[in-house]
Amino acid sequence: MGTRTQAQRDAMTVEIGYALLSAAVLAVATFAALTAPAYLLGWPPALNKVLFVAGCALAAVVFVLRVVHVLWRYKGAPSTQPSQPGRTSPDS
């Protein structure tokens, strides 16, 4: 593992930030989708508590899966493909 350039470190920082932010948004949406109906429709408190716990657990799972998915597909190394599609070398 060699040293990384400043651009590579900056790109990784942005990617980590994107992974955490998008995971947080998805986790909040998952939690809200699972728990909001119970509170809005006035279901029994015991059911509200069960849905709250299930919402927390599912939101945590969604958060972790999203972070892993985004960072797993990120490739920090520069691409070896040509800069122009269809070109095999810069001289062509």
PDB file of N, CA and C in Angstrom:
ATOM      1  N   MET A   1       0.835  -1.162   0.000  1.00  0.00           N
ATOM      2  CA  MET A   1       0.000   0.000   0.000  1.00  0.00           C
ATOM      3  C   MET A   1       0.884   1.230   0.000  1.00  0.00           C
ATOM      4  N   GLY A   2       0.821   1.967  -1.090  1.00  0.00           N
ATOM      5  CA  GLY A   2       1.665   3.139  -1.213  1.00  0.00           C
ATOM      6  C   GLY A   2       1.026   4.368  -0.610  1.00  0.00           C
ATOM      7  N   THR A   3       1.729   5.465  -0.767  1.00  0.00           N
ATOM      8  CA  THR A   3       1.181   6.718  -0.256  1.00  0.00           C
ATOM      9  C   THR A   3       0.110   7.233  -1.205  1.00  0.00           C
ATOM     10  N   ARG A   4      -0.835   7.937  -0.659  1.00  0.00           N
ATOM     11  CA  ARG A   4      -1.934   8.479  -1.448  1.00  0.00           C
ATOM     12  C   ARG A   4      -1.719   9.966  -1.660  1.00  0.00           C
ATOM     13  N   THR A   5      -2.192  10.441  -2.793  1.00  0.00           N
ATOM     14  CA  THR A   5      -2.105  11.865  -3.075  1.00  0.00           C
ATOM     15  C   THR A   5      -3.190  12.592  -2.280  1.00  0.00           C
ATOM     16  N   GLN A   6      -3.058  13.908  -2.224  1.00  0.00           N
ATOM     17  CA  GLN A   6      -4.061  14.706  -1.520  1.00  0.00           C
ATOM     18  C   GLN A   6      -5.422  14.560  -2.189  1.00  0.00           C
ATOM     19  N   ALA A   7      -5.445  14.477  -3.513  1.00  0.00           N
ATOM     20  CA  ALA A   7      -6.712  14.318  -4.238  1.00  0.00           C
ATOM     21  C   ALA A   7      -7.381  12.992  -3.881  1.00  0.00           C
ATOM     22  N   GLN A   8      -6.595  11.929  -3.747  1.00  0.00           N
ATOM     23  CA  GLN A   8      -7.160  10.634  -3.370  1.00  0.00           C
ATOM     24  C   GLN A   8      -7.704  10.663  -1.944  1.00  0.00           C
ATOM     25  N   ARG A   9      -6.990  11.325  -1.032  1.00  0.00           N
ATOM     26  CA  ARG A   9      -7.476  11.438   0.345  1.00  0.00           C
ATOM     27  C   ARG A   9      -8.748  12.274   0.402  1.00  0.00           C
ATOM     28  N   ASP A  10      -8.793  13.351  -0.375  1.00  0.00           N
ATOM     29  CA  ASP A  10      -9.993  14.187  -0.411  1.00  0.00           C
ATOM     30  C   ASP A  10     -11.172  13.415  -0.987  1.00  0.00           C
ATOM     31  N   ALA A  11     -10.929  12.637  -2.031  1.00  0.00           N
ATOM     32  CA  ALA A  11     -12.003  11.853  -2.644  1.00  0.00           C
ATOM     33  C   ALA A  11     -12.546  10.822  -1.655  1.00  0.00           C
ATOM     34  N   MET A  12     -11.682  10.205  -0.899  1.00  0.00           N
ATOM     35  CA  MET A  12     -12.129   9.223   0.086  1.00  0.00           C
ATOM     36  C   MET A  12     -12.918   9.900   1.209  1.00  0.00           C
ATOM     37  N   THR A  13     -12.492  11.084   1.613  1.00  0.00           N
ATOM     38  CA  THR A  13     -13.225  11.830   2.640  1.00  0.00           C
ATOM     39  C   THR A  13     -14.630  12.174   2.164  1.00  0.00           C
ATOM     40  N   VAL A  14     -14.745  12.618   0.927  1.00  0.00           N
ATOM     41  CA  VAL A  14     -16.055  12.934   0.357  1.00  0.00           C
ATOM     42  C   VAL A  14     -16.910  11.675   0.279  1.00  0.00           C
ATOM     43  N   GLU A  15     -16.322  10.581  -0.121  1.00  0.00           N
ATOM     44  CA  GLU A  15     -17.069   9.322  -0.238  1.00  0.00           C
ATOM     45  C   GLU A  15     -17.569   8.837   1.125  1.00  0.00           C
ATOM     46  N   ILE A  16     -16.748   8.969   2.150  1.00  0.00           N
ATOM     47  CA  ILE A  16     -17.171   8.582   3.495  1.00  0.00           C
ATOM     48  C   ILE A  16     -18.297   9.485   3.971  1.00  0.00           C
ATOM     49  N   GLY A  17     -18.170  10.779   3.714  1.00  0.00           N
ATOM     50  CA  GLY A  17     -19.228  11.710   4.094  1.00  0.00           C
ATOM     51  C   GLY A  17     -20.532  11.392   3.384  1.00  0.00           C
ATOM     52  N   TYR A  18     -20.447  11.097   2.093  1.00  0.00           N
ATOM     53  CA  TYR A  18     -21.640  10.726   1.328  1.00  0.00           C
ATOM     54  C   TYR A  18     -22.258   9.444   1.888  1.00  0.00           C
ATOM     55  N   ALA A  19     -21.430   8.475   2.200  1.00  0.00           N
ATOM     56  CA  ALA A  19     -21.939   7.207   2.736  1.00  0.00           C
ATOM     57  C   ALA A  19     -22.664   7.428   4.058  1.00  0.00           C
ATOM     58  N   LEU A  20     -22.084   8.224   4.944  1.00  0.00           N
ATOM     59  CA  LEU A  20     -22.702   8.460   6.244  1.00  0.00           C
ATOM     60  C   LEU A  20     -23.988   9.288   6.129  1.00  0.00           C
ATOM     61  N   LEU A  21     -23.963  10.317   5.288  1.00  0.00           N
ATOM     62  CA  LEU A  21     -25.147  11.164   5.140  1.00  0.00           C
ATOM     63  C   LEU A  21     -26.301  10.410   4.488  1.00  0.00           C
ATOM     64  N   SER A  22     -26.016   9.703   3.402  1.00  0.00           N
ATOM     65  CA  SER A  22     -27.091   8.965   2.734  1.00  0.00           C
ATOM     66  C   SER A  22     -27.612   7.830   3.616  1.00  0.00           C
ATOM     67  N   ALA A  23     -26.741   7.215   4.400  1.00  0.00           N
ATOM     68  CA  ALA A  23     -27.175   6.165   5.317  1.00  0.00           C
ATOM     69  C   ALA A  23     -28.061   6.744   6.416  1.00  0.00           C
ATOM     70  N   ALA A  24     -27.709   7.918   6.918  1.00  0.00           N
ATOM     71  CA  ALA A  24     -28.526   8.545   7.955  1.00  0.00           C
ATOM     72  C   ALA A  24     -29.910   8.904   7.416  1.00  0.00           C
ATOM     73  N   VAL A  25     -29.966   9.432   6.213  1.00  0.00           N
ATOM     74  CA  VAL A  25     -31.260   9.786   5.613  1.00  0.00           C
ATOM     75  C   VAL A  25     -32.115   8.534   5.429  1.00  0.00           C
ATOM     76  N   LEU A  26     -31.534   7.469   4.925  1.00  0.00           N
ATOM     77  CA  LEU A  26     -32.288   6.232   4.741  1.00  0.00           C
ATOM     78  C   LEU A  26     -32.724   5.624   6.072  1.00  0.00           C
ATOM     79  N   ALA A  27     -31.881   5.709   7.083  1.00  0.00           N
ATOM     80  CA  ALA A  27     -32.239   5.164   8.395  1.00  0.00           C
ATOM     81  C   ALA A  27     -33.400   5.949   9.004  1.00  0.00           C
ATOM     82  N   VAL A  28     -33.369   7.262   8.895  1.00  0.00           N
ATOM     83  CA  VAL A  28     -34.467   8.086   9.421  1.00  0.00           C
ATOM     84  C   VAL A  28     -35.760   7.800   8.669  1.00  0.00           C
ATOM     85  N   ALA A  29     -35.666   7.675   7.348  1.00  0.00           N
ATOM     86  CA  ALA A  29     -36.859   7.373   6.555  1.00  0.00           C
ATOM     87  C   ALA A  29     -37.431   5.999   6.914  1.00  0.00           C
ATOM     88  N   THR A  30     -36.569   5.038   7.126  1.00  0.00           N
ATOM     89  CA  THR A  30     -37.013   3.698   7.510  1.00  0.00           C
ATOM     90  C   THR A  30     -37.700   3.735   8.875  1.00  0.00           C
ATOM     91  N   PHE A  31     -37.082   4.416   9.825  1.00  0.00           N
ATOM     92  CA  PHE A  31     -37.657   4.524  11.157  1.00  0.00           C
ATOM     93  C   PHE A  31     -39.021   5.223  11.101  1.00  0.00           C
ATOM     94  N   ALA A  32     -39.091   6.314  10.374  1.00  0.00           N
ATOM     95  CA  ALA A  32     -40.340   7.069  10.283  1.00  0.00           C
ATOM     96  C   ALA A  32     -41.436   6.261   9.602  1.00  0.00           C
ATOM     97  N   ALA A  33     -41.080   5.547   8.555  1.00  0.00           N
ATOM     98  CA  ALA A  33     -42.073   4.750   7.839  1.00  0.00           C
ATOM     99  C   ALA A  33     -42.628   3.632   8.708  1.00  0.00           C
ATOM    100  N   LEU A  34     -41.820   3.111   9.589  1.00  0.00           N
ATOM    101  CA  LEU A  34     -42.268   2.013  10.435  1.00  0.00           C
ATOM    102  C   LEU A  34     -43.039   2.490  11.667  1.00  0.00           C
ATOM    103  N   THR A  35     -42.653   3.617  12.227  1.00  0.00           N
ATOM    104  CA  THR A  35     -43.267   4.044  13.478  1.00  0.00           C
ATOM    105  C   THR A  35     -44.364   5.093  13.321  1.00  0.00           C
ATOM    106  N   ALA A  36     -44.337   5.876  12.270  1.00  0.00           N
ATOM    107  CA  ALA A  36     -45.310   6.961  12.119  1.00  0.00           C
ATOM    108  C   ALA A  36     -46.764   6.481  12.101  1.00  0.00           C
ATOM    109  N   PRO A  37     -47.097   5.431  11.380  1.00  0.00           N
ATOM    110  CA  PRO A  37     -48.503   5.013  11.375  1.00  0.00           C
ATOM    111  C   PRO A  37     -49.030   4.670  12.771  1.00  0.00           C
ATOM    112  N   ALA A  38     -48.213   4.069  13.593  1.00  0.00           N
ATOM    113  CA  ALA A  38     -48.661   3.691  14.930  1.00  0.00           C
ATOM    114  C   ALA A  38     -49.011   4.925  15.755  1.00  0.00           C
ATOM    115  N   TYR A  39     -48.206   5.964  15.662  1.00  0.00           N
ATOM    116  CA  TYR A  39     -48.464   7.168  16.444  1.00  0.00           C
ATOM    117  C   TYR A  39     -49.585   8.006  15.829  1.00  0.00           C
ATOM    118  N   LEU A  40     -49.661   8.046  14.520  1.00  0.00           N
ATOM    119  CA  LEU A  40     -50.697   8.846  13.865  1.00  0.00           C
ATOM    120  C   LEU A  40     -52.081   8.222  13.980  1.00  0.00           C
ATOM    121  N   LEU A  41     -52.161   6.912  14.017  1.00  0.00           N
ATOM    122  CA  LEU A  41     -53.451   6.230  14.066  1.00  0.00           C
ATOM    123  C   LEU A  41     -53.885   5.887  15.489  1.00  0.00           C
ATOM    124  N   GLY A  42     -53.057   6.205  16.456  1.00  0.00           N
ATOM    125  CA  GLY A  42     -53.429   6.000  17.851  1.00  0.00           C
ATOM    126  C   GLY A  42     -53.539   4.541  18.261  1.00  0.00           C
ATOM    127  N   TRP A  43     -52.609   3.725  17.830  1.00  0.00           N
ATOM    128  CA  TRP A  43     -52.629   2.321  18.215  1.00  0.00           C
ATOM    129  C   TRP A  43     -52.271   2.179  19.687  1.00  0.00           C
ATOM    130  N   PRO A  44     -52.481   1.018  20.273  1.00  0.00           N
ATOM    131  CA  PRO A  44     -52.185   0.811  21.706  1.00  0.00           C
ATOM    132  C   PRO A  44     -50.706   1.066  22.025  1.00  0.00           C
ATOM    133  N   PRO A  45     -50.435   1.538  23.240  1.00  0.00           N
ATOM    134  CA  PRO A  45     -49.046   1.847  23.631  1.00  0.00           C
ATOM    135  C   PRO A  45     -48.095   0.652  23.528  1.00  0.00           C
ATOM    136  N   ALA A  46     -48.588  -0.535  23.802  1.00  0.00           N
ATOM    137  CA  ALA A  46     -47.712  -1.713  23.705  1.00  0.00           C
ATOM    138  C   ALA A  46     -47.254  -1.921  22.259  1.00  0.00           C
ATOM    139  N   LEU A  47     -48.156  -1.740  21.315  1.00  0.00           N
ATOM    140  CA  LEU A  47     -47.799  -1.879  19.899  1.00  0.00           C
ATOM    141  C   LEU A  47     -46.866  -0.756  19.469  1.00  0.00           C
ATOM    142  N   ASN A  48     -47.105   0.441  19.991  1.00  0.00           N
ATOM    143  CA  ASN A  48     -46.195   1.561  19.693  1.00  0.00           C
ATOM    144  C   ASN A  48     -44.775   1.242  20.134  1.00  0.00           C
ATOM    145  N   LYS A  49     -44.643   0.649  21.319  1.00  0.00           N
ATOM    146  CA  LYS A  49     -43.316   0.324  21.833  1.00  0.00           C
ATOM    147  C   LYS A  49     -42.645  -0.751  20.980  1.00  0.00           C
ATOM    148  N   VAL A  50     -43.399  -1.764  20.588  1.00  0.00           N
ATOM    149  CA  VAL A  50     -42.841  -2.826  19.731  1.00  0.00           C
ATOM    150  C   VAL A  50     -42.376  -2.240  18.403  1.00  0.00           C
ATOM    151  N   LEU A  51     -43.205  -1.399  17.800  1.00  0.00           N
ATOM    152  CA  LEU A  51     -42.827  -0.790  16.521  1.00  0.00           C
ATOM    153  C   LEU A  51     -41.652   0.167  16.675  1.00  0.00           C
ATOM    154  N   PHE A  52     -41.571   0.850  17.811  1.00  0.00           N
ATOM    155  CA  PHE A  52     -40.435   1.729  18.068  1.00  0.00           C
ATOM    156  C   PHE A  52     -39.133   0.932  18.134  1.00  0.00           C
ATOM    157  N   VAL A  53     -39.143  -0.155  18.863  1.00  0.00           N
ATOM    158  CA  VAL A  53     -37.941  -0.995  18.975  1.00  0.00           C
ATOM    159  C   VAL A  53     -37.592  -1.611  17.612  1.00  0.00           C
ATOM    160  N   ALA A  54     -38.603  -2.097  16.905  1.00  0.00           N
ATOM    161  CA  ALA A  54     -38.362  -2.670  15.576  1.00  0.00           C
ATOM    162  C   ALA A  54     -37.841  -1.603  14.617  1.00  0.00           C
ATOM    163  N   GLY A  55     -38.381  -0.397  14.720  1.00  0.00           N
ATOM    164  CA  GLY A  55     -37.916   0.696  13.870  1.00  0.00           C
ATOM    165  C   GLY A  55     -36.476   1.060  14.142  1.00  0.00           C
ATOM    166  N   CYS A  56     -36.100   1.090  15.412  1.00  0.00           N
ATOM    167  CA  CYS A  56     -34.696   1.373  15.769  1.00  0.00           C
ATOM    168  C   CYS A  56     -33.761   0.294  15.235  1.00  0.00           C
ATOM    169  N   ALA A  57     -34.155  -0.953  15.409  1.00  0.00           N
ATOM    170  CA  ALA A  57     -33.309  -2.058  14.943  1.00  0.00           C
ATOM    171  C   ALA A  57     -33.176  -2.050  13.425  1.00  0.00           C
ATOM    172  N   LEU A  58     -34.294  -1.873  12.738  1.00  0.00           N
ATOM    173  CA  LEU A  58     -34.253  -1.868  11.275  1.00  0.00           C
ATOM    174  C   LEU A  58     -33.494  -0.662  10.743  1.00  0.00           C
ATOM    175  N   ALA A  59     -33.647   0.486  11.382  1.00  0.00           N
ATOM    176  CA  ALA A  59     -32.912   1.682  10.961  1.00  0.00           C
ATOM    177  C   ALA A  59     -31.405   1.477  11.119  1.00  0.00           C
ATOM    178  N   ALA A  60     -31.001   0.822  12.210  1.00  0.00           N
ATOM    179  CA  ALA A  60     -29.573   0.555  12.412  1.00  0.00           C
ATOM    180  C   ALA A  60     -29.033  -0.388  11.342  1.00  0.00           C
ATOM    181  N   VAL A  61     -29.817  -1.405  11.002  1.00  0.00           N
ATOM    182  CA  VAL A  61     -29.392  -2.352   9.956  1.00  0.00           C
ATOM    183  C   VAL A  61     -29.285  -1.641   8.612  1.00  0.00           C
ATOM    184  N   VAL A  62     -30.279  -0.826   8.284  1.00  0.00           N
ATOM    185  CA  VAL A  62     -30.261  -0.084   7.018  1.00  0.00           C
ATOM    186  C   VAL A  62     -29.057   0.852   6.971  1.00  0.00           C
ATOM    187  N   PHE A  63     -28.756   1.513   8.081  1.00  0.00           N
ATOM    188  CA  PHE A  63     -27.612   2.420   8.139  1.00  0.00           C
ATOM    189  C   PHE A  63     -26.310   1.682   7.831  1.00  0.00           C
ATOM    190  N   VAL A  64     -26.096   0.581   8.508  1.00  0.00           N
ATOM    191  CA  VAL A  64     -24.850  -0.181   8.318  1.00  0.00           C
ATOM    192  C   VAL A  64     -24.757  -0.726   6.892  1.00  0.00           C
ATOM    193  N   LEU A  65     -25.854  -1.269   6.384  1.00  0.00           N
ATOM    194  CA  LEU A  65     -25.836  -1.821   5.024  1.00  0.00           C
ATOM    195  C   LEU A  65     -25.541  -0.747   3.988  1.00  0.00           C
ATOM    196  N   ARG A  66     -26.111   0.440   4.164  1.00  0.00           N
ATOM    197  CA  ARG A  66     -25.868   1.518   3.200  1.00  0.00           C
ATOM    198  C   ARG A  66     -24.413   1.976   3.234  1.00  0.00           C
ATOM    199  N   VAL A  67     -23.856   2.140   4.415  1.00  0.00           N
ATOM    200  CA  VAL A  67     -22.452   2.553   4.515  1.00  0.00           C
ATOM    201  C   VAL A  67     -21.549   1.511   3.867  1.00  0.00           C
ATOM    202  N   VAL A  68     -21.788   0.249   4.172  1.00  0.00           N
ATOM    203  CA  VAL A  68     -20.971  -0.822   3.596  1.00  0.00           C
ATOM    204  C   VAL A  68     -21.124  -0.853   2.079  1.00  0.00           C
ATOM    205  N   HIS A  69     -22.350  -0.706   1.593  1.00  0.00           N
ATOM    206  CA  HIS A  69     -22.594  -0.755   0.147  1.00  0.00           C
ATOM    207  C   HIS A  69     -21.861   0.380  -0.576  1.00  0.00           C
ATOM    208  N   VAL A  70     -21.972   1.592  -0.056  1.00  0.00           N
ATOM    209  CA  VAL A  70     -21.341   2.736  -0.724  1.00  0.00           C
ATOM    210  C   VAL A  70     -19.822   2.612  -0.694  1.00  0.00           C
ATOM    211  N   LEU A  71     -19.272   2.259   0.461  1.00  0.00           N
ATOM    212  CA  LEU A  71     -17.811   2.192   0.557  1.00  0.00           C
ATOM    213  C   LEU A  71     -17.238   0.956  -0.134  1.00  0.00           C
ATOM    214  N   TRP A  72     -18.006  -0.109  -0.224  1.00  0.00           N
ATOM    215  CA  TRP A  72     -17.517  -1.323  -0.883  1.00  0.00           C
ATOM    216  C   TRP A  72     -17.355  -1.094  -2.385  1.00  0.00           C
ATOM    217  N   ARG A  73     -18.289  -0.354  -2.982  1.00  0.00           N
ATOM    218  CA  ARG A  73     -18.213  -0.143  -4.432  1.00  0.00           C
ATOM    219  C   ARG A  73     -17.266   0.987  -4.814  1.00  0.00           C
ATOM    220  N   TYR A  74     -16.810   1.760  -3.825  1.00  0.00           N
ATOM    221  CA  TYR A  74     -15.882   2.849  -4.099  1.00  0.00           C
ATOM    222  C   TYR A  74     -14.490   2.281  -4.365  1.00  0.00           C
ATOM    223  N   LYS A  75     -13.913   2.736  -5.433  1.00  0.00           N
ATOM    224  CA  LYS A  75     -12.552   2.326  -5.772  1.00  0.00           C
ATOM    225  C   LYS A  75     -11.674   3.573  -5.681  1.00  0.00           C
ATOM    226  N   GLY A  76     -10.749   3.561  -4.738  1.00  0.00           N
ATOM    227  CA  GLY A  76      -9.902   4.725  -4.534  1.00  0.00           C
ATOM    228  C   GLY A  76      -8.815   4.891  -5.582  1.00  0.00           C
ATOM    229  N   ALA A  77      -8.486   3.820  -6.286  1.00  0.00           N
ATOM    230  CA  ALA A  77      -7.432   3.893  -7.289  1.00  0.00           C
ATOM    231  C   ALA A  77      -7.956   4.569  -8.549  1.00  0.00           C
ATOM    232  N   PRO A  78      -7.105   5.293  -9.247  1.00  0.00           N
ATOM    233  CA  PRO A  78      -7.546   5.917 -10.484  1.00  0.00           C
ATOM    234  C   PRO A  78      -7.939   4.871 -11.521  1.00  0.00           C
ATOM    235  N   SER A  79      -8.870   5.239 -12.371  1.00  0.00           N
ATOM    236  CA  SER A  79      -9.364   4.320 -13.391  1.00  0.00           C
ATOM    237  C   SER A  79      -8.300   4.084 -14.461  1.00  0.00           C
ATOM    238  N   THR A  80      -8.284   2.882 -15.003  1.00  0.00           N
ATOM    239  CA  THR A  80      -7.338   2.567 -16.063  1.00  0.00           C
ATOM    240  C   THR A  80      -7.971   2.714 -17.439  1.00  0.00           C
ATOM    241  N   GLN A  81      -9.233   3.137 -17.484  1.00  0.00           N
ATOM    242  CA  GLN A  81      -9.899   3.301 -18.760  1.00  0.00           C
ATOM    243  C   GLN A  81      -9.466   4.620 -19.399  1.00  0.00           C
ATOM    244  N   PRO A  82      -9.549   4.696 -20.725  1.00  0.00           N
ATOM    245  CA  PRO A  82      -9.193   5.946 -21.396  1.00  0.00           C
ATOM    246  C   PRO A  82     -10.158   7.063 -21.016  1.00  0.00           C
ATOM    247  N   SER A  83      -9.682   8.293 -21.144  1.00  0.00           N
ATOM    248  CA  SER A  83     -10.497   9.424 -20.744  1.00  0.00           C
ATOM    249  C   SER A  83     -11.659   9.680 -21.695  1.00  0.00           C
ATOM    250  N   GLN A  84     -11.541   9.199 -22.930  1.00  0.00           N
ATOM    251  CA  GLN A  84     -12.618   9.377 -23.905  1.00  0.00           C
ATOM    252  C   GLN A  84     -13.144   7.998 -24.299  1.00  0.00           C
ATOM    253  N   PRO A  85     -14.437   7.762 -24.165  1.00  0.00           N
ATOM    254  CA  PRO A  85     -14.987   6.464 -24.533  1.00  0.00           C
ATOM    255  C   PRO A  85     -14.721   6.142 -26.006  1.00  0.00           C
ATOM    256  N   GLY A  86     -14.371   4.912 -26.253  1.00  0.00           N
ATOM    257  CA  GLY A  86     -14.096   4.486 -27.616  1.00  0.00           C
ATOM    258  C   GLY A  86     -12.666   4.679 -28.050  1.00  0.00           C
ATOM    259  N   ARG A  87     -11.887   5.361 -27.268  1.00  0.00           N
ATOM    260  CA  ARG A  87     -10.477   5.610 -27.605  1.00  0.00           C
ATOM    261  C   ARG A  87      -9.612   4.633 -26.827  1.00  0.00           C
ATOM    262  N   THR A  88      -8.593   4.123 -27.468  1.00  0.00           N
ATOM    263  CA  THR A  88      -7.719   3.158 -26.796  1.00  0.00           C
ATOM    264  C   THR A  88      -6.450   3.805 -26.283  1.00  0.00           C
ATOM    265  N   SER A  89      -6.103   4.962 -26.808  1.00  0.00           N
ATOM    266  CA  SER A  89      -4.923   5.662 -26.322  1.00  0.00           C
ATOM    267  C   SER A  89      -5.107   7.143 -26.572  1.00  0.00           C
ATOM    268  N   PRO A  90      -4.363   7.983 -25.862  1.00  0.00           N
ATOM    269  CA  PRO A  90      -4.523   9.421 -26.049  1.00  0.00           C
ATOM    270  C   PRO A  90      -4.150   9.899 -27.459  1.00  0.00           C
ATOM    271  N   ASP A  91      -3.337   9.124 -28.211  1.00  0.00           N
ATOM    272  CA  ASP A  91      -2.882   9.544 -29.530  1.00  0.00           C
ATOM    273  C   ASP A  91      -3.902   9.276 -30.626  1.00  0.00           C
ATOM    274  N   SER A  92      -4.906   8.454 -30.365  1.00  0.00           N
ATOM    275  CA  SER A  92      -5.812   8.089 -31.463  1.00  0.00           C
ATOM    276  C   SER A  92      -6.886   9.122 -31.685  1.00  0.00           C
TER     277      SER A  92
END
